[in-house]
């Protein structure tokens, strides 16, 4: 996301669904996603071009 390859809305939706599937409570899922997004914003990665 921070690297520009993914959109925050899509990532949040995918991760929220995954959290539900493994039995996380909504609040726990939201906190985990927020923490990951903040960490990713501090150290964004980029997608390498295929050779």
PDB file of N, CA and C in Angstrom:
ATOM      1  N   UNK A   1       0.804  -1.183   0.000  1.00  0.00           N
ATOM      2  CA  UNK A   1       0.000   0.000   0.000  1.00  0.00           C
ATOM      3  C   UNK A   1       0.853   1.254   0.000  1.00  0.00           C
ATOM      4  N   UNK A   2       1.695   1.405   1.019  1.00  0.00           N
ATOM      5  CA  UNK A   2       2.518   2.613   1.074  1.00  0.00           C
ATOM      6  C   UNK A   2       3.467   2.676  -0.116  1.00  0.00           C
ATOM      7  N   UNK A   3       3.794   1.514  -0.667  1.00  0.00           N
ATOM      8  CA  UNK A   3       4.645   1.463  -1.841  1.00  0.00           C
ATOM      9  C   UNK A   3       3.903   1.780  -3.124  1.00  0.00           C
ATOM     10  N   UNK A   4       2.584   1.875  -3.050  1.00  0.00           N
ATOM     11  CA  UNK A   4       1.780   2.294  -4.188  1.00  0.00           C
ATOM     12  C   UNK A   4       1.173   1.178  -5.023  1.00  0.00           C
ATOM     13  N   UNK A   5       1.407  -0.084  -4.669  1.00  0.00           N
ATOM     14  CA  UNK A   5       0.903  -1.186  -5.492  1.00  0.00           C
ATOM     15  C   UNK A   5      -0.520  -1.621  -5.118  1.00  0.00           C
ATOM     16  N   UNK A   6      -0.961  -1.332  -3.897  1.00  0.00           N
ATOM     17  CA  UNK A   6      -2.274  -1.764  -3.418  1.00  0.00           C
ATOM     18  C   UNK A   6      -3.037  -0.575  -2.839  1.00  0.00           C
ATOM     19  N   UNK A   7      -4.352  -0.686  -2.814  1.00  0.00           N
ATOM     20  CA  UNK A   7      -5.202   0.372  -2.263  1.00  0.00           C
ATOM     21  C   UNK A   7      -5.623   0.010  -0.840  1.00  0.00           C
ATOM     22  N   UNK A   8      -5.594   0.999   0.051  1.00  0.00           N
ATOM     23  CA  UNK A   8      -5.902   0.757   1.465  1.00  0.00           C
ATOM     24  C   UNK A   8      -7.271   0.115   1.657  1.00  0.00           C
ATOM     25  N   UNK A   9      -8.263   0.576   0.933  1.00  0.00           N
ATOM     26  CA  UNK A   9      -9.615   0.013   1.082  1.00  0.00           C
ATOM     27  C   UNK A   9      -9.611  -1.490   0.793  1.00  0.00           C
ATOM     28  N   UNK A  10      -8.952  -1.893  -0.291  1.00  0.00           N
ATOM     29  CA  UNK A  10      -8.908  -3.312  -0.659  1.00  0.00           C
ATOM     30  C   UNK A  10      -8.168  -4.134   0.387  1.00  0.00           C
ATOM     31  N   UNK A  11      -7.018  -3.642   0.806  1.00  0.00           N
ATOM     32  CA  UNK A  11      -6.208  -4.366   1.787  1.00  0.00           C
ATOM     33  C   UNK A  11      -6.968  -4.523   3.097  1.00  0.00           C
ATOM     34  N   UNK A  12      -7.595  -3.456   3.547  1.00  0.00           N
ATOM     35  CA  UNK A  12      -8.360  -3.511   4.795  1.00  0.00           C
ATOM     36  C   UNK A  12      -9.504  -4.515   4.681  1.00  0.00           C
ATOM     37  N   UNK A  13     -10.197  -4.524   3.566  1.00  0.00           N
ATOM     38  CA  UNK A  13     -11.295  -5.477   3.367  1.00  0.00           C
ATOM     39  C   UNK A  13     -10.783  -6.911   3.373  1.00  0.00           C
ATOM     40  N   UNK A  14      -9.688  -7.181   2.663  1.00  0.00           N
ATOM     41  CA  UNK A  14      -9.132  -8.542   2.613  1.00  0.00           C
ATOM     42  C   UNK A  14      -8.694  -9.007   3.997  1.00  0.00           C
ATOM     43  N   UNK A  15      -8.002  -8.139   4.719  1.00  0.00           N
ATOM     44  CA  UNK A  15      -7.511  -8.523   6.034  1.00  0.00           C
ATOM     45  C   UNK A  15      -8.631  -8.660   7.059  1.00  0.00           C
ATOM     46  N   UNK A  16      -9.661  -7.832   6.938  1.00  0.00           N
ATOM     47  CA  UNK A  16     -10.814  -7.952   7.833  1.00  0.00           C
ATOM     48  C   UNK A  16     -11.504  -9.295   7.618  1.00  0.00           C
ATOM     49  N   UNK A  17     -11.681  -9.681   6.376  1.00  0.00           N
ATOM     50  CA  UNK A  17     -12.295 -10.977   6.064  1.00  0.00           C
ATOM     51  C   UNK A  17     -11.437 -12.124   6.604  1.00  0.00           C
ATOM     52  N   UNK A  18     -10.137 -12.019   6.431  1.00  0.00           N
ATOM     53  CA  UNK A  18      -9.235 -13.057   6.933  1.00  0.00           C
ATOM     54  C   UNK A  18      -9.318 -13.155   8.454  1.00  0.00           C
ATOM     55  N   UNK A  19      -9.369 -12.020   9.132  1.00  0.00           N
ATOM     56  CA  UNK A  19      -9.505 -12.029  10.587  1.00  0.00           C
ATOM     57  C   UNK A  19     -10.781 -12.705  11.036  1.00  0.00           C
ATOM     58  N   UNK A  20     -11.877 -12.433  10.335  1.00  0.00           N
ATOM     59  CA  UNK A  20     -13.154 -13.080  10.656  1.00  0.00           C
ATOM     60  C   UNK A  20     -13.068 -14.593  10.459  1.00  0.00           C
ATOM     61  N   UNK A  21     -12.413 -14.999   9.391  1.00  0.00           N
ATOM     62  CA  UNK A  21     -12.307 -16.430   9.076  1.00  0.00           C
ATOM     63  C   UNK A  21     -11.510 -17.209  10.119  1.00  0.00           C
ATOM     64  N   UNK A  22     -10.562 -16.542  10.782  1.00  0.00           N
ATOM     65  CA  UNK A  22      -9.769 -17.239  11.800  1.00  0.00           C
ATOM     66  C   UNK A  22     -10.294 -17.003  13.210  1.00  0.00           C
ATOM     67  N   UNK A  23     -11.427 -16.311  13.321  1.00  0.00           N
ATOM     68  CA  UNK A  23     -12.076 -16.155  14.613  1.00  0.00           C
ATOM     69  C   UNK A  23     -11.657 -14.952  15.434  1.00  0.00           C
ATOM     70  N   UNK A  24     -10.968 -14.002  14.843  1.00  0.00           N
ATOM     71  CA  UNK A  24     -10.618 -12.791  15.595  1.00  0.00           C
ATOM     72  C   UNK A  24     -11.874 -11.956  15.821  1.00  0.00           C
ATOM     73  N   UNK A  25     -11.903 -11.290  16.966  1.00  0.00           N
ATOM     74  CA  UNK A  25     -12.989 -10.360  17.244  1.00  0.00           C
ATOM     75  C   UNK A  25     -12.767  -9.100  16.412  1.00  0.00           C
ATOM     76  N   UNK A  26     -13.840  -8.408  16.019  1.00  0.00           N
ATOM     77  CA  UNK A  26     -13.693  -7.223  15.153  1.00  0.00           C
ATOM     78  C   UNK A  26     -12.718  -6.181  15.687  1.00  0.00           C
ATOM     79  N   UNK A  27     -12.741  -5.900  16.972  1.00  0.00           N
ATOM     80  CA  UNK A  27     -11.835  -4.902  17.540  1.00  0.00           C
ATOM     81  C   UNK A  27     -10.378  -5.327  17.439  1.00  0.00           C
ATOM     82  N   UNK A  28     -10.129  -6.608  17.689  1.00  0.00           N
ATOM     83  CA  UNK A  28      -8.769  -7.134  17.585  1.00  0.00           C
ATOM     84  C   UNK A  28      -8.274  -7.055  16.141  1.00  0.00           C
ATOM     85  N   UNK A  29      -9.149  -7.401  15.211  1.00  0.00           N
ATOM     86  CA  UNK A  29      -8.801  -7.335  13.795  1.00  0.00           C
ATOM     87  C   UNK A  29      -8.471  -5.900  13.395  1.00  0.00           C
ATOM     88  N   UNK A  30      -9.300  -4.955  13.791  1.00  0.00           N
ATOM     89  CA  UNK A  30      -9.083  -3.551  13.435  1.00  0.00           C
ATOM     90  C   UNK A  30      -7.769  -3.034  14.012  1.00  0.00           C
ATOM     91  N   UNK A  31      -7.459  -3.388  15.257  1.00  0.00           N
ATOM     92  CA  UNK A  31      -6.207  -2.941  15.873  1.00  0.00           C
ATOM     93  C   UNK A  31      -4.997  -3.557  15.168  1.00  0.00           C
ATOM     94  N   UNK A  32      -5.099  -4.824  14.817  1.00  0.00           N
ATOM     95  CA  UNK A  32      -3.997  -5.502  14.135  1.00  0.00           C
ATOM     96  C   UNK A  32      -3.737  -4.880  12.772  1.00  0.00           C
ATOM     97  N   UNK A  33      -4.817  -4.612  12.026  1.00  0.00           N
ATOM     98  CA  UNK A  33      -4.675  -3.990  10.705  1.00  0.00           C
ATOM     99  C   UNK A  33      -4.074  -2.595  10.837  1.00  0.00           C
ATOM    100  N   UNK A  34      -4.574  -1.807  11.778  1.00  0.00           N
ATOM    101  CA  UNK A  34      -4.059  -0.449  11.971  1.00  0.00           C
ATOM    102  C   UNK A  34      -2.575  -0.471  12.316  1.00  0.00           C
ATOM    103  N   UNK A  35      -2.167  -1.401  13.155  1.00  0.00           N
ATOM    104  CA  UNK A  35      -0.763  -1.532  13.524  1.00  0.00           C
ATOM    105  C   UNK A  35       0.088  -1.882  12.307  1.00  0.00           C
ATOM    106  N   UNK A  36      -0.386  -2.826  11.502  1.00  0.00           N
ATOM    107  CA  UNK A  36       0.352  -3.214  10.300  1.00  0.00           C
ATOM    108  C   UNK A  36       0.452  -2.088   9.289  1.00  0.00           C
ATOM    109  N   UNK A  37      -0.627  -1.340   9.113  1.00  0.00           N
ATOM    110  CA  UNK A  37      -0.608  -0.217   8.171  1.00  0.00           C
ATOM    111  C   UNK A  37       0.369   0.857   8.633  1.00  0.00           C
ATOM    112  N   UNK A  38       0.388   1.118   9.930  1.00  0.00           N
ATOM    113  CA  UNK A  38       1.316   2.121  10.463  1.00  0.00           C
ATOM    114  C   UNK A  38       2.759   1.671  10.269  1.00  0.00           C
ATOM    115  N   UNK A  39       3.049   0.405  10.533  1.00  0.00           N
ATOM    116  CA  UNK A  39       4.406  -0.120  10.351  1.00  0.00           C
ATOM    117  C   UNK A  39       4.809  -0.062   8.883  1.00  0.00           C
ATOM    118  N   UNK A  40       3.893  -0.406   7.996  1.00  0.00           N
ATOM    119  CA  UNK A  40       4.181  -0.363   6.566  1.00  0.00           C
ATOM    120  C   UNK A  40       4.420   1.052   6.066  1.00  0.00           C
ATOM    121  N   UNK A  41       3.719   2.010   6.642  1.00  0.00           N
ATOM    122  CA  UNK A  41       3.905   3.405   6.242  1.00  0.00           C
ATOM    123  C   UNK A  41       5.283   3.919   6.674  1.00  0.00           C
ATOM    124  N   UNK A  42       5.769   3.398   7.812  1.00  0.00           N
ATOM    125  CA  UNK A  42       7.093   3.810   8.278  1.00  0.00           C
ATOM    126  C   UNK A  42       8.202   3.217   7.409  1.00  0.00           C
ATOM    127  N   UNK A  43       7.966   2.012   6.869  1.00  0.00           N
ATOM    128  CA  UNK A  43       8.974   1.343   6.042  1.00  0.00           C
ATOM    129  C   UNK A  43       8.319   0.753   4.800  1.00  0.00           C
ATOM    130  N   UNK A  44       7.890   1.596   3.872  1.00  0.00           N
ATOM    131  CA  UNK A  44       7.202   1.092   2.672  1.00  0.00           C
ATOM    132  C   UNK A  44       8.127   0.250   1.790  1.00  0.00           C
ATOM    133  N   UNK A  45       7.521  -0.763   1.180  1.00  0.00           N
ATOM    134  CA  UNK A  45       8.246  -1.616   0.244  1.00  0.00           C
ATOM    135  C   UNK A  45       7.709  -1.372  -1.145  1.00  0.00           C
ATOM    136  N   UNK A  46       8.508  -1.662  -2.135  1.00  0.00           N
ATOM    137  CA  UNK A  46       8.058  -1.496  -3.509  1.00  0.00           C
ATOM    138  C   UNK A  46       8.005  -2.857  -4.198  1.00  0.00           C
ATOM    139  N   UNK A  47       7.235  -2.931  -5.250  1.00  0.00           N
ATOM    140  CA  UNK A  47       7.139  -4.157  -6.036  1.00  0.00           C
ATOM    141  C   UNK A  47       8.175  -4.071  -7.145  1.00  0.00           C
ATOM    142  N   UNK A  48       8.962  -5.103  -7.257  1.00  0.00           N
ATOM    143  CA  UNK A  48       9.994  -5.122  -8.299  1.00  0.00           C
ATOM    144  C   UNK A  48       9.365  -5.483  -9.633  1.00  0.00           C
ATOM    145  N   UNK A  49       9.884  -4.895 -10.688  1.00  0.00           N
ATOM    146  CA  UNK A  49       9.441  -5.200 -12.045  1.00  0.00           C
ATOM    147  C   UNK A  49       9.917  -6.602 -12.418  1.00  0.00           C
ATOM    148  N   UNK A  50       9.093  -7.339 -13.159  1.00  0.00           N
ATOM    149  CA  UNK A  50       9.487  -8.666 -13.629  1.00  0.00           C
ATOM    150  C   UNK A  50      10.586  -8.518 -14.685  1.00  0.00           C
ATOM    151  N   UNK A  51      11.537  -9.420 -14.628  1.00  0.00           N
ATOM    152  CA  UNK A  51      12.658  -9.340 -15.586  1.00  0.00           C
ATOM    153  C   UNK A  51      12.292  -9.902 -16.942  1.00  0.00           C
TER     154      UNK A  51
END
